[in-house]
Protein backbone atom coordinates (compact mmCIF):
# COMPACT_ATOMS: atom_id res chain seq x y z
CA MET A 1 92.05 107.69 91.89
CA ASP A 2 93.96 105.98 94.72
CA ILE A 3 94.39 102.26 94.37
CA LEU A 4 94.86 100.74 97.80
CA SER A 5 95.30 97.10 96.79
CA SER A 6 94.79 94.84 93.84
CA ARG A 7 94.05 91.24 93.04
CA ILE A 8 93.17 89.09 90.13
CA ILE A 9 89.90 87.17 90.53
CA LEU A 10 89.57 83.90 88.65
CA ARG A 11 86.33 81.97 88.30
CA PRO A 12 87.56 78.61 87.00
CA ARG A 13 85.48 75.78 85.63
CA ASP A 14 87.21 73.35 88.03
CA TYR A 15 87.87 75.05 91.37
CA ALA A 16 89.84 72.20 92.97
CA THR A 17 92.16 71.76 89.97
CA THR A 18 92.90 75.48 89.77
CA VAL A 19 93.53 75.80 93.53
CA ALA A 20 95.90 72.82 93.36
CA PHE A 21 97.74 74.42 90.41
CA TYR A 22 98.36 77.72 92.20
CA ARG A 23 99.10 76.10 95.58
CA GLU A 24 101.08 73.01 94.62
CA ALA A 25 102.46 73.48 91.11
CA LEU A 26 103.32 77.19 91.42
CA GLY A 27 103.89 77.02 95.19
CA LEU A 28 101.98 80.20 96.07
CA ALA A 29 101.21 80.74 99.76
CA ILE A 30 97.60 81.04 100.88
CA ALA A 31 96.66 84.50 102.17
CA ARG A 32 93.22 83.39 103.34
CA GLU A 33 90.45 80.95 102.64
CA TYR A 34 86.70 81.45 102.85
CA PRO A 35 83.74 79.21 102.06
CA GLY A 36 83.97 78.85 98.31
CA GLY A 37 87.28 80.60 97.71
CA THR A 38 91.03 80.73 98.22
CA VAL A 39 93.22 83.84 98.05
CA PHE A 40 96.94 83.47 97.29
CA PHE A 41 99.82 85.86 97.90
CA ALA A 42 101.42 86.93 94.60
CA GLY A 43 104.13 89.46 95.46
CA GLN A 44 102.46 92.79 96.16
CA SER A 45 99.19 91.53 94.73
CA LEU A 46 96.74 88.71 95.37
CA ILE A 47 95.17 86.02 93.21
CA GLU A 48 91.71 84.95 94.32
CA VAL A 49 90.27 81.68 93.03
CA ALA A 50 86.51 81.83 93.50
CA GLY A 51 84.52 78.65 93.80
CA HIS A 52 81.50 80.12 92.03
CA GLY A 53 81.18 81.05 88.38
CA GLY A 54 83.11 79.48 85.56
CA SER A 55 80.42 77.63 83.63
CA GLU A 56 80.51 75.98 80.23
CA THR A 57 78.66 78.98 78.76
CA ASP A 58 81.41 81.45 79.72
CA PRO A 59 83.42 82.95 76.86
CA GLU A 60 86.65 81.14 76.03
CA GLY A 61 89.99 82.56 77.01
CA PHE A 62 91.17 85.41 79.16
CA ALA A 63 91.84 88.81 77.63
CA GLY A 64 95.01 89.48 79.60
CA ALA A 65 97.66 87.70 81.61
CA ILE A 66 98.80 87.26 85.17
CA TRP A 67 102.19 88.95 85.52
CA LEU A 68 104.37 87.53 88.29
CA GLN A 69 107.85 88.85 88.98
CA VAL A 70 110.38 86.29 90.23
CA ARG A 71 114.04 86.59 91.27
CA ASP A 72 115.43 83.93 88.93
CA VAL A 73 113.17 82.77 86.10
CA GLY A 74 115.61 80.02 85.11
CA ALA A 75 115.45 78.47 88.58
CA VAL A 76 111.66 78.76 88.53
CA ALA A 77 111.56 76.98 85.15
CA VAL A 78 113.41 74.02 86.68
CA GLU A 79 111.14 74.01 89.75
CA LEU A 80 107.99 74.07 87.61
CA ALA A 81 109.28 71.31 85.34
CA LEU A 82 109.91 69.14 88.42
CA ASN A 83 106.29 69.87 89.46
CA GLY A 84 105.04 68.69 86.06
CA VAL A 85 103.98 72.14 84.84
CA SER A 86 104.00 72.60 81.06
CA ILE A 87 105.96 75.64 79.93
CA ASP A 88 104.53 77.28 76.80
CA ARG A 89 107.64 79.37 76.22
CA ALA A 90 110.97 78.92 78.00
CA PRO A 91 112.72 81.96 79.52
CA VAL A 92 113.73 84.49 76.85
CA SER A 93 115.43 87.89 77.12
CA GLU A 94 112.95 90.27 75.53
CA PRO A 95 113.89 93.39 73.50
CA TRP A 96 112.47 95.53 76.35
CA GLY A 97 115.05 94.06 78.75
CA LEU A 98 112.96 91.65 80.81
CA ILE A 99 113.43 87.89 80.93
CA GLU A 100 110.02 86.25 80.43
CA MET A 101 108.66 82.72 80.57
CA TRP A 102 105.05 81.86 79.68
CA LEU A 103 102.66 79.13 80.85
CA LYS A 104 98.92 78.67 81.37
CA ASP A 105 96.76 77.68 84.31
CA PRO A 106 94.24 74.81 83.97
CA ASP A 107 91.63 77.14 82.39
CA GLY A 108 94.12 78.50 79.85
CA VAL A 109 94.76 81.81 81.66
CA PRO A 110 98.15 83.07 80.44
CA ILE A 111 100.79 83.52 83.13
CA VAL A 112 104.01 85.38 82.44
CA LEU A 113 106.85 84.89 84.92
CA VAL A 114 109.24 87.81 84.70
CA GLU A 115 112.79 88.38 85.91
CA VAL A 116 113.90 92.02 86.06
CA PRO A 117 117.69 92.13 85.50
CA ASP A 118 119.77 94.31 87.82
CA ASP A 119 120.49 96.85 85.04
CA HIS A 120 116.86 97.22 83.91
CA PRO A 121 115.18 100.66 84.25
CA LEU A 122 112.55 99.15 86.59
CA ARG A 123 115.36 98.74 89.15
CA ARG A 124 116.88 102.19 88.76
CA ASP A 125 116.09 105.07 91.08
CA ASN A 126 115.26 107.94 88.70
CA ARG A 127 115.10 110.67 91.34
């Protein structure tokens, strides 16, 4: 199977609040907008916030996380704090070598912001 592109589609209970979170609090750029939806750039992926769906009868939670790689997770932590974003877990160096910080969007979707250190295997050319 060839995967040509990817995105995460969210169907929040409150479209306007979620769009504001991704646009203003996280500072993601808008890739495109359409009637009833906004698509954000997220590195090599996209996050689409759909204006339909997300009702009170939907199951609680999100069985996954949005993984966003950043250059400097410490600097991002400061930026988010200045934007009033609650951080669930401050940046921590994990046993697997990544520096991770965790937060949630307005619907409780987990977001992990990841810094890949220069000496991490993800940055090495194994050829």
